[in-house]
Every structure is written in structure tokens, then in C-alpha cells.
Amino acid sequence: DKAFKNELKKWMRYNYKHAMETKDGLSYS
């Protein structure tokens, strides 16, 4: 499901800097 994947990717945090910028979402770790 393309819509499901797009929503999931919206909340992925791809590295430490990205995770610290948002302080939410699914961290790379």
C-alpha cells in the first residue's frame, strides 16, 4: 500500500541529527 508506506516514511528519523531535530518519530536506532 503506497499510502501506508508514505505515512510510515514520514515518521522515520534517519540519523541522530534528524531524530534530535524532531524528538519524535521512529528513530533509525
PDB file of all heavy atoms in Angstrom:
ATOM      1  N   ASP A   1       0.852  -1.189   0.000  1.00  0.00           N
ATOM      2  CA  ASP A   1       0.000   0.000   0.000  1.00  0.00           C
ATOM      3  C   ASP A   1       0.893   1.245   0.000  1.00  0.00           C
ATOM      4  O   ASP A   1       1.569   1.542   0.983  1.00  0.00           O
ATOM      5  CB  ASP A   1      -0.898  -0.022   1.242  1.00  0.00           C
ATOM      6  CG  ASP A   1      -1.895   1.122   1.283  1.00  0.00           C
ATOM      7  OD1 ASP A   1      -1.667   2.155   0.617  1.00  0.00           O
ATOM      8  OD2 ASP A   1      -2.905   1.001   2.000  1.00  0.00           O
ATOM      9  N   LYS A   2       0.884   1.975  -1.092  1.00  0.00           N
ATOM     10  CA  LYS A   2       1.745   3.142  -1.232  1.00  0.00           C
ATOM     11  C   LYS A   2       1.449   4.193  -0.172  1.00  0.00           C
ATOM     12  O   LYS A   2       2.371   4.813   0.384  1.00  0.00           O
ATOM     13  CB  LYS A   2       1.588   3.742  -2.626  1.00  0.00           C
ATOM     14  CG  LYS A   2       2.545   4.899  -2.902  1.00  0.00           C
ATOM     15  CD  LYS A   2       2.401   5.390  -4.339  1.00  0.00           C
ATOM     16  CE  LYS A   2       3.366   6.548  -4.608  1.00  0.00           C
ATOM     17  NZ  LYS A   2       3.226   7.042  -6.013  1.00  0.00           N
ATOM     18  N   ALA A   3       0.170   4.394   0.144  1.00  0.00           N
ATOM     19  CA  ALA A   3      -0.206   5.399   1.146  1.00  0.00           C
ATOM     20  C   ALA A   3       0.330   5.024   2.520  1.00  0.00           C
ATOM     21  O   ALA A   3       0.814   5.881   3.265  1.00  0.00           O
ATOM     22  CB  ALA A   3      -1.725   5.553   1.188  1.00  0.00           C
ATOM     23  N   PHE A   4       0.251   3.748   2.868  1.00  0.00           N
ATOM     24  CA  PHE A   4       0.788   3.278   4.154  1.00  0.00           C
ATOM     25  C   PHE A   4       2.294   3.523   4.221  1.00  0.00           C
ATOM     26  O   PHE A   4       2.815   4.023   5.227  1.00  0.00           O
ATOM     27  CB  PHE A   4       0.502   1.789   4.339  1.00  0.00           C
ATOM     28  CG  PHE A   4       1.227   1.182   5.506  1.00  0.00           C
ATOM     29  CD1 PHE A   4       0.731   1.309   6.797  1.00  0.00           C
ATOM     30  CD2 PHE A   4       2.422   0.504   5.323  1.00  0.00           C
ATOM     31  CE1 PHE A   4       1.420   0.766   7.890  1.00  0.00           C
ATOM     32  CE2 PHE A   4       3.114  -0.047   6.405  1.00  0.00           C
ATOM     33  CZ  PHE A   4       2.601   0.085   7.680  1.00  0.00           C
ATOM     34  N   LYS A   5       3.004   3.174   3.158  1.00  0.00           N
ATOM     35  CA  LYS A   5       4.452   3.348   3.148  1.00  0.00           C
ATOM     36  C   LYS A   5       4.835   4.825   3.248  1.00  0.00           C
ATOM     37  O   LYS A   5       5.780   5.186   3.954  1.00  0.00           O
ATOM     38  CB  LYS A   5       5.047   2.725   1.891  1.00  0.00           C
ATOM     39  CG  LYS A   5       5.023   1.202   1.889  1.00  0.00           C
ATOM     40  CD  LYS A   5       5.553   0.621   0.581  1.00  0.00           C
ATOM     41  CE  LYS A   5       7.028   0.912   0.391  1.00  0.00           C
ATOM     42  NZ  LYS A   5       7.570   0.212  -0.791  1.00  0.00           N
ATOM     43  N   ASN A   6       4.104   5.689   2.561  1.00  0.00           N
ATOM     44  CA  ASN A   6       4.410   7.120   2.614  1.00  0.00           C
ATOM     45  C   ASN A   6       4.201   7.679   4.019  1.00  0.00           C
ATOM     46  O   ASN A   6       4.984   8.506   4.493  1.00  0.00           O
ATOM     47  CB  ASN A   6       3.559   7.881   1.611  1.00  0.00           C
ATOM     48  CG  ASN A   6       4.008   7.659   0.177  1.00  0.00           C
ATOM     49  OD1 ASN A   6       5.151   7.280  -0.071  1.00  0.00           O
ATOM     50  ND2 ASN A   6       3.115   7.882  -0.778  1.00  0.00           N
ATOM     51  N   GLU A   7       3.120   7.226   4.685  1.00  0.00           N
ATOM     52  CA  GLU A   7       2.865   7.690   6.051  1.00  0.00           C
ATOM     53  C   GLU A   7       3.953   7.191   6.993  1.00  0.00           C
ATOM     54  O   GLU A   7       4.422   7.933   7.863  1.00  0.00           O
ATOM     55  CB  GLU A   7       1.502   7.205   6.513  1.00  0.00           C
ATOM     56  CG  GLU A   7       1.104   7.701   7.900  1.00  0.00           C
ATOM     57  CD  GLU A   7      -0.301   7.272   8.277  1.00  0.00           C
ATOM     58  OE1 GLU A   7      -0.471   6.107   8.699  1.00  0.00           O
ATOM     59  OE2 GLU A   7      -1.227   8.104   8.150  1.00  0.00           O
ATOM     60  N   LEU A   8       4.369   5.941   6.828  1.00  0.00           N
ATOM     61  CA  LEU A   8       5.425   5.380   7.660  1.00  0.00           C
ATOM     62  C   LEU A   8       6.730   6.146   7.464  1.00  0.00           C
ATOM     63  O   LEU A   8       7.403   6.516   8.434  1.00  0.00           O
ATOM     64  CB  LEU A   8       5.615   3.904   7.316  1.00  0.00           C
ATOM     65  CG  LEU A   8       6.722   3.156   8.066  1.00  0.00           C
ATOM     66  CD1 LEU A   8       6.463   3.156   9.571  1.00  0.00           C
ATOM     67  CD2 LEU A   8       6.847   1.724   7.539  1.00  0.00           C
ATOM     68  N   LYS A   9       7.094   6.408   6.222  1.00  0.00           N
ATOM     69  CA  LYS A   9       8.345   7.116   5.935  1.00  0.00           C
ATOM     70  C   LYS A   9       8.333   8.542   6.484  1.00  0.00           C
ATOM     71  O   LYS A   9       9.375   9.077   6.886  1.00  0.00           O
ATOM     72  CB  LYS A   9       8.614   7.129   4.425  1.00  0.00           C
ATOM     73  CG  LYS A   9       9.036   5.775   3.873  1.00  0.00           C
ATOM     74  CD  LYS A   9       9.470   5.856   2.418  1.00  0.00           C
ATOM     75  CE  LYS A   9       8.319   6.112   1.492  1.00  0.00           C
ATOM     76  NZ  LYS A   9       8.730   6.066   0.058  1.00  0.00           N
ATOM     77  N   LYS A  10       7.137   9.145   6.531  1.00  0.00           N
ATOM     78  CA  LYS A  10       7.009  10.499   7.082  1.00  0.00           C
ATOM     79  C   LYS A  10       7.477  10.552   8.533  1.00  0.00           C
ATOM     80  O   LYS A  10       8.006  11.573   8.991  1.00  0.00           O
ATOM     81  CB  LYS A  10       5.553  10.953   6.969  1.00  0.00           C
ATOM     82  CG  LYS A  10       5.261  12.294   7.623  1.00  0.00           C
ATOM     83  CD  LYS A  10       3.778  12.633   7.558  1.00  0.00           C
ATOM     84  CE  LYS A  10       3.475  13.924   8.317  1.00  0.00           C
ATOM     85  NZ  LYS A  10       2.013  14.242   8.297  1.00  0.00           N
ATOM     86  N   TRP A  11       7.290   9.450   9.269  1.00  0.00           N
ATOM     87  CA  TRP A  11       7.636   9.432  10.687  1.00  0.00           C
ATOM     88  C   TRP A  11       8.968   8.740  10.975  1.00  0.00           C
ATOM     89  O   TRP A  11       9.335   8.574  12.137  1.00  0.00           O
ATOM     90  CB  TRP A  11       6.506   8.779  11.487  1.00  0.00           C
ATOM     91  CG  TRP A  11       5.308   9.659  11.537  1.00  0.00           C
ATOM     92  CD1 TRP A  11       4.192   9.598  10.758  1.00  0.00           C
ATOM     93  CD2 TRP A  11       5.126  10.789  12.394  1.00  0.00           C
ATOM     94  NE1 TRP A  11       3.326  10.607  11.071  1.00  0.00           N
ATOM     95  CE2 TRP A  11       3.867  11.356  12.080  1.00  0.00           C
ATOM     96  CE3 TRP A  11       5.903  11.368  13.403  1.00  0.00           C
ATOM     97  CZ2 TRP A  11       3.374  12.478  12.736  1.00  0.00           C
ATOM     98  CZ3 TRP A  11       5.401  12.477  14.059  1.00  0.00           C
ATOM     99  CH2 TRP A  11       4.159  13.021  13.730  1.00  0.00           C
ATOM    100  N   MET A  12       9.704   8.360   9.951  1.00  0.00           N
ATOM    101  CA  MET A  12      11.031   7.782  10.166  1.00  0.00           C
ATOM    102  C   MET A  12      12.053   8.882  10.402  1.00  0.00           C
ATOM    103  O   MET A  12      12.013   9.928   9.750  1.00  0.00           O
ATOM    104  CB  MET A  12      11.446   6.940   8.957  1.00  0.00           C
ATOM    105  CG  MET A  12      10.765   5.600   8.884  1.00  0.00           C
ATOM    106  SD  MET A  12      11.409   4.608   7.515  1.00  0.00           S
ATOM    107  CE  MET A  12      10.626   3.043   7.842  1.00  0.00           C
ATOM    108  N   ARG A  13      12.960   8.639  11.331  1.00  0.00           N
ATOM    109  CA  ARG A  13      14.049   9.575  11.622  1.00  0.00           C
ATOM    110  C   ARG A  13      15.359   8.871  11.267  1.00  0.00           C
ATOM    111  O   ARG A  13      15.736   7.892  11.907  1.00  0.00           O
ATOM    112  CB  ARG A  13      13.999   9.996  13.098  1.00  0.00           C
ATOM    113  CG  ARG A  13      12.644  10.560  13.535  1.00  0.00           C
ATOM    114  CD  ARG A  13      12.282  11.807  12.768  1.00  0.00           C
ATOM    115  NE  ARG A  13      10.962  12.349  13.121  1.00  0.00           N
ATOM    116  CZ  ARG A  13       9.937  12.426  12.288  1.00  0.00           C
ATOM    117  NH1 ARG A  13      10.067  11.966  11.045  1.00  0.00           N
ATOM    118  NH2 ARG A  13       8.787  12.945  12.675  1.00  0.00           N
ATOM    119  N   TYR A  14      16.035   9.392  10.243  1.00  0.00           N
ATOM    120  CA  TYR A  14      17.036   8.601   9.535  1.00  0.00           C
ATOM    121  C   TYR A  14      18.439   8.611  10.128  1.00  0.00           C
ATOM    122  O   TYR A  14      19.268   7.794   9.766  1.00  0.00           O
ATOM    123  CB  TYR A  14      17.081   9.043   8.074  1.00  0.00           C
ATOM    124  CG  TYR A  14      15.819   8.684   7.332  1.00  0.00           C
ATOM    125  CD1 TYR A  14      14.799   9.617   7.133  1.00  0.00           C
ATOM    126  CD2 TYR A  14      15.621   7.394   6.856  1.00  0.00           C
ATOM    127  CE1 TYR A  14      13.634   9.274   6.456  1.00  0.00           C
ATOM    128  CE2 TYR A  14      14.458   7.044   6.179  1.00  0.00           C
ATOM    129  CZ  TYR A  14      13.470   7.987   5.984  1.00  0.00           C
ATOM    130  OH  TYR A  14      12.312   7.657   5.324  1.00  0.00           O
ATOM    131  N   ASN A  15      18.715   9.557  11.012  1.00  0.00           N
ATOM    132  CA  ASN A  15      20.008   9.547  11.714  1.00  0.00           C
ATOM    133  C   ASN A  15      19.860  10.355  13.003  1.00  0.00           C
ATOM    134  O   ASN A  15      18.777  10.877  13.306  1.00  0.00           O
ATOM    135  CB  ASN A  15      21.145  10.088  10.831  1.00  0.00           C
ATOM    136  CG  ASN A  15      20.864  11.478  10.277  1.00  0.00           C
ATOM    137  OD1 ASN A  15      20.110  12.258  10.866  1.00  0.00           O
ATOM    138  ND2 ASN A  15      21.473  11.804   9.152  1.00  0.00           N
ATOM    139  N   TYR A  16      20.940  10.448  13.757  1.00  0.00           N
ATOM    140  CA  TYR A  16      20.871  11.102  15.069  1.00  0.00           C
ATOM    141  C   TYR A  16      20.432  12.559  14.939  1.00  0.00           C
ATOM    142  O   TYR A  16      19.581  13.029  15.701  1.00  0.00           O
ATOM    143  CB  TYR A  16      22.244  11.025  15.747  1.00  0.00           C
ATOM    144  CG  TYR A  16      22.278  11.691  17.102  1.00  0.00           C
ATOM    145  CD1 TYR A  16      21.774  11.041  18.227  1.00  0.00           C
ATOM    146  CD2 TYR A  16      22.806  12.974  17.261  1.00  0.00           C
ATOM    147  CE1 TYR A  16      21.793  11.646  19.475  1.00  0.00           C
ATOM    148  CE2 TYR A  16      22.823  13.590  18.507  1.00  0.00           C
ATOM    149  CZ  TYR A  16      22.325  12.923  19.606  1.00  0.00           C
ATOM    150  OH  TYR A  16      22.325  13.533  20.842  1.00  0.00           O
ATOM    151  N   LYS A  17      20.990  13.277  13.984  1.00  0.00           N
ATOM    152  CA  LYS A  17      20.642  14.686  13.806  1.00  0.00           C
ATOM    153  C   LYS A  17      19.161  14.848  13.499  1.00  0.00           C
ATOM    154  O   LYS A  17      18.481  15.715  14.076  1.00  0.00           O
ATOM    155  CB  LYS A  17      21.472  15.292  12.675  1.00  0.00           C
ATOM    156  CG  LYS A  17      21.182  16.773  12.424  1.00  0.00           C
ATOM    157  CD  LYS A  17      22.008  17.317  11.270  1.00  0.00           C
ATOM    158  CE  LYS A  17      21.676  18.785  11.003  1.00  0.00           C
ATOM    159  NZ  LYS A  17      22.458  19.314   9.852  1.00  0.00           N
ATOM    160  N   HIS A  18      18.641  14.015  12.626  1.00  0.00           N
ATOM    161  CA  HIS A  18      17.232  14.077  12.260  1.00  0.00           C
ATOM    162  C   HIS A  18      16.353  13.800  13.475  1.00  0.00           C
ATOM    163  O   HIS A  18      15.351  14.486  13.715  1.00  0.00           O
ATOM    164  CB  HIS A  18      16.953  13.055  11.146  1.00  0.00           C
ATOM    165  CG  HIS A  18      15.601  13.169  10.536  1.00  0.00           C
ATOM    166  ND1 HIS A  18      15.018  12.149   9.804  1.00  0.00           N
ATOM    167  CD2 HIS A  18      14.682  14.184  10.547  1.00  0.00           C
ATOM    168  CE1 HIS A  18      13.827  12.537   9.395  1.00  0.00           C
ATOM    169  NE2 HIS A  18      13.597  13.753   9.822  1.00  0.00           N
ATOM    170  N   ALA A  19      16.720  12.793  14.272  1.00  0.00           N
ATOM    171  CA  ALA A  19      15.946  12.435  15.460  1.00  0.00           C
ATOM    172  C   ALA A  19      15.947  13.572  16.482  1.00  0.00           C
ATOM    173  O   ALA A  19      14.927  13.851  17.122  1.00  0.00           O
ATOM    174  CB  ALA A  19      16.504  11.164  16.084  1.00  0.00           C
ATOM    175  N   MET A  20      17.079  14.244  16.648  1.00  0.00           N
ATOM    176  CA  MET A  20      17.169  15.335  17.611  1.00  0.00           C
ATOM    177  C   MET A  20      16.402  16.572  17.137  1.00  0.00           C
ATOM    178  O   MET A  20      15.933  17.365  17.951  1.00  0.00           O
ATOM    179  CB  MET A  20      18.639  15.702  17.861  1.00  0.00           C
ATOM    180  CG  MET A  20      19.420  14.645  18.641  1.00  0.00           C
ATOM    181  SD  MET A  20      18.720  14.328  20.299  1.00  0.00           S
ATOM    182  CE  MET A  20      17.776  12.814  19.996  1.00  0.00           C
ATOM    183  N   GLU A  21      16.280  16.738  15.840  1.00  0.00           N
ATOM    184  CA  GLU A  21      15.537  17.883  15.314  1.00  0.00           C
ATOM    185  C   GLU A  21      14.046  17.777  15.628  1.00  0.00           C
ATOM    186  O   GLU A  21      13.391  18.776  15.905  1.00  0.00           O
ATOM    187  CB  GLU A  21      15.730  17.969  13.795  1.00  0.00           C
ATOM    188  CG  GLU A  21      17.102  18.472  13.367  1.00  0.00           C
ATOM    189  CD  GLU A  21      17.305  18.376  11.869  1.00  0.00           C
ATOM    190  OE1 GLU A  21      16.438  17.763  11.190  1.00  0.00           O
ATOM    191  OE2 GLU A  21      18.316  18.886  11.369  1.00  0.00           O
ATOM    192  N   THR A  22      13.510  16.580  15.587  1.00  0.00           N
ATOM    193  CA  THR A  22      12.066  16.399  15.754  1.00  0.00           C
ATOM    194  C   THR A  22      11.685  15.887  17.146  1.00  0.00           C
ATOM    195  O   THR A  22      10.601  16.185  17.636  1.00  0.00           O
ATOM    196  CB  THR A  22      11.536  15.398  14.716  1.00  0.00           C
ATOM    197  OG1 THR A  22      12.151  14.122  14.932  1.00  0.00           O
ATOM    198  CG2 THR A  22      11.847  15.870  13.301  1.00  0.00           C
ATOM    199  N   LYS A  23      12.566  15.071  17.753  1.00  0.00           N
ATOM    200  CA  LYS A  23      12.315  14.457  19.077  1.00  0.00           C
ATOM    201  C   LYS A  23      11.019  13.645  19.093  1.00  0.00           C
ATOM    202  O   LYS A  23      10.309  13.578  20.100  1.00  0.00           O
ATOM    203  CB  LYS A  23      12.325  15.513  20.183  1.00  0.00           C
ATOM    204  CG  LYS A  23      13.663  16.222  20.334  1.00  0.00           C
ATOM    205  CD  LYS A  23      13.689  17.132  21.538  1.00  0.00           C
ATOM    206  CE  LYS A  23      15.000  17.910  21.629  1.00  0.00           C
ATOM    207  NZ  LYS A  23      16.158  17.036  21.774  1.00  0.00           N
ATOM    208  N   ASP A  24      10.705  13.061  17.960  1.00  0.00           N
ATOM    209  CA  ASP A  24       9.566  12.146  17.872  1.00  0.00           C
ATOM    210  C   ASP A  24       9.845  11.185  16.719  1.00  0.00           C
ATOM    211  O   ASP A  24      10.951  11.146  16.176  1.00  0.00           O
ATOM    212  CB  ASP A  24       8.249  12.913  17.663  1.00  0.00           C
ATOM    213  CG  ASP A  24       8.224  13.733  16.379  1.00  0.00           C
ATOM    214  OD1 ASP A  24       9.131  13.568  15.529  1.00  0.00           O
ATOM    215  OD2 ASP A  24       7.302  14.558  16.201  1.00  0.00           O
ATOM    216  N   GLY A  25       8.872  10.398  16.348  1.00  0.00           N
ATOM    217  CA  GLY A  25       9.030   9.515  15.205  1.00  0.00           C
ATOM    218  C   GLY A  25       9.829   8.261  15.517  1.00  0.00           C
ATOM    219  O   GLY A  25      10.233   8.000  16.649  1.00  0.00           O
ATOM    220  N   LEU A  26      10.060   7.465  14.477  1.00  0.00           N
ATOM    221  CA  LEU A  26      10.745   6.179  14.593  1.00  0.00           C
ATOM    222  C   LEU A  26      12.231   6.372  14.317  1.00  0.00           C
ATOM    223  O   LEU A  26      12.649   6.532  13.173  1.00  0.00           O
ATOM    224  CB  LEU A  26      10.133   5.180  13.602  1.00  0.00           C
ATOM    225  CG  LEU A  26       8.650   4.889  13.834  1.00  0.00           C
ATOM    226  CD1 LEU A  26       8.056   4.140  12.638  1.00  0.00           C
ATOM    227  CD2 LEU A  26       8.447   4.098  15.114  1.00  0.00           C
ATOM    228  N   SER A  27      13.012   6.352  15.365  1.00  0.00           N
ATOM    229  CA  SER A  27      14.444   6.596  15.248  1.00  0.00           C
ATOM    230  C   SER A  27      15.136   5.484  14.466  1.00  0.00           C
ATOM    231  O   SER A  27      14.752   4.314  14.544  1.00  0.00           O
ATOM    232  CB  SER A  27      15.067   6.706  16.640  1.00  0.00           C
ATOM    233  OG  SER A  27      16.468   6.665  16.576  1.00  0.00           O
ATOM    234  N   TYR A  28      16.162   5.855  13.715  1.00  0.00           N
ATOM    235  CA  TYR A  28      16.981   4.885  12.985  1.00  0.00           C
ATOM    236  C   TYR A  28      17.472   3.768  13.893  1.00  0.00           C
ATOM    237  O   TYR A  28      17.583   2.604  13.491  1.00  0.00           O
ATOM    238  CB  TYR A  28      18.192   5.592  12.359  1.00  0.00           C
ATOM    239  CG  TYR A  28      19.180   6.110  13.382  1.00  0.00           C
ATOM    240  CD1 TYR A  28      20.323   5.392  13.703  1.00  0.00           C
ATOM    241  CD2 TYR A  28      18.945   7.302  14.060  1.00  0.00           C
ATOM    242  CE1 TYR A  28      21.214   5.851  14.668  1.00  0.00           C
ATOM    243  CE2 TYR A  28      19.812   7.763  15.027  1.00  0.00           C
ATOM    244  CZ  TYR A  28      20.942   7.031  15.320  1.00  0.00           C
ATOM    245  OH  TYR A  28      21.814   7.487  16.291  1.00  0.00           O
ATOM    246  N   SER A  29      17.722   4.087  15.163  1.00  0.00           N
ATOM    247  CA  SER A  29      18.308   3.109  16.083  1.00  0.00           C
ATOM    248  C   SER A  29      17.333   1.984  16.428  1.00  0.00           C
ATOM    249  O   SER A  29      17.754   0.860  16.699  1.00  0.00           O
ATOM    250  CB  SER A  29      18.782   3.798  17.364  1.00  0.00           C
ATOM    251  OG  SER A  29      17.723   4.453  18.015  1.00  0.00           O
TER     252      SER A  29
END
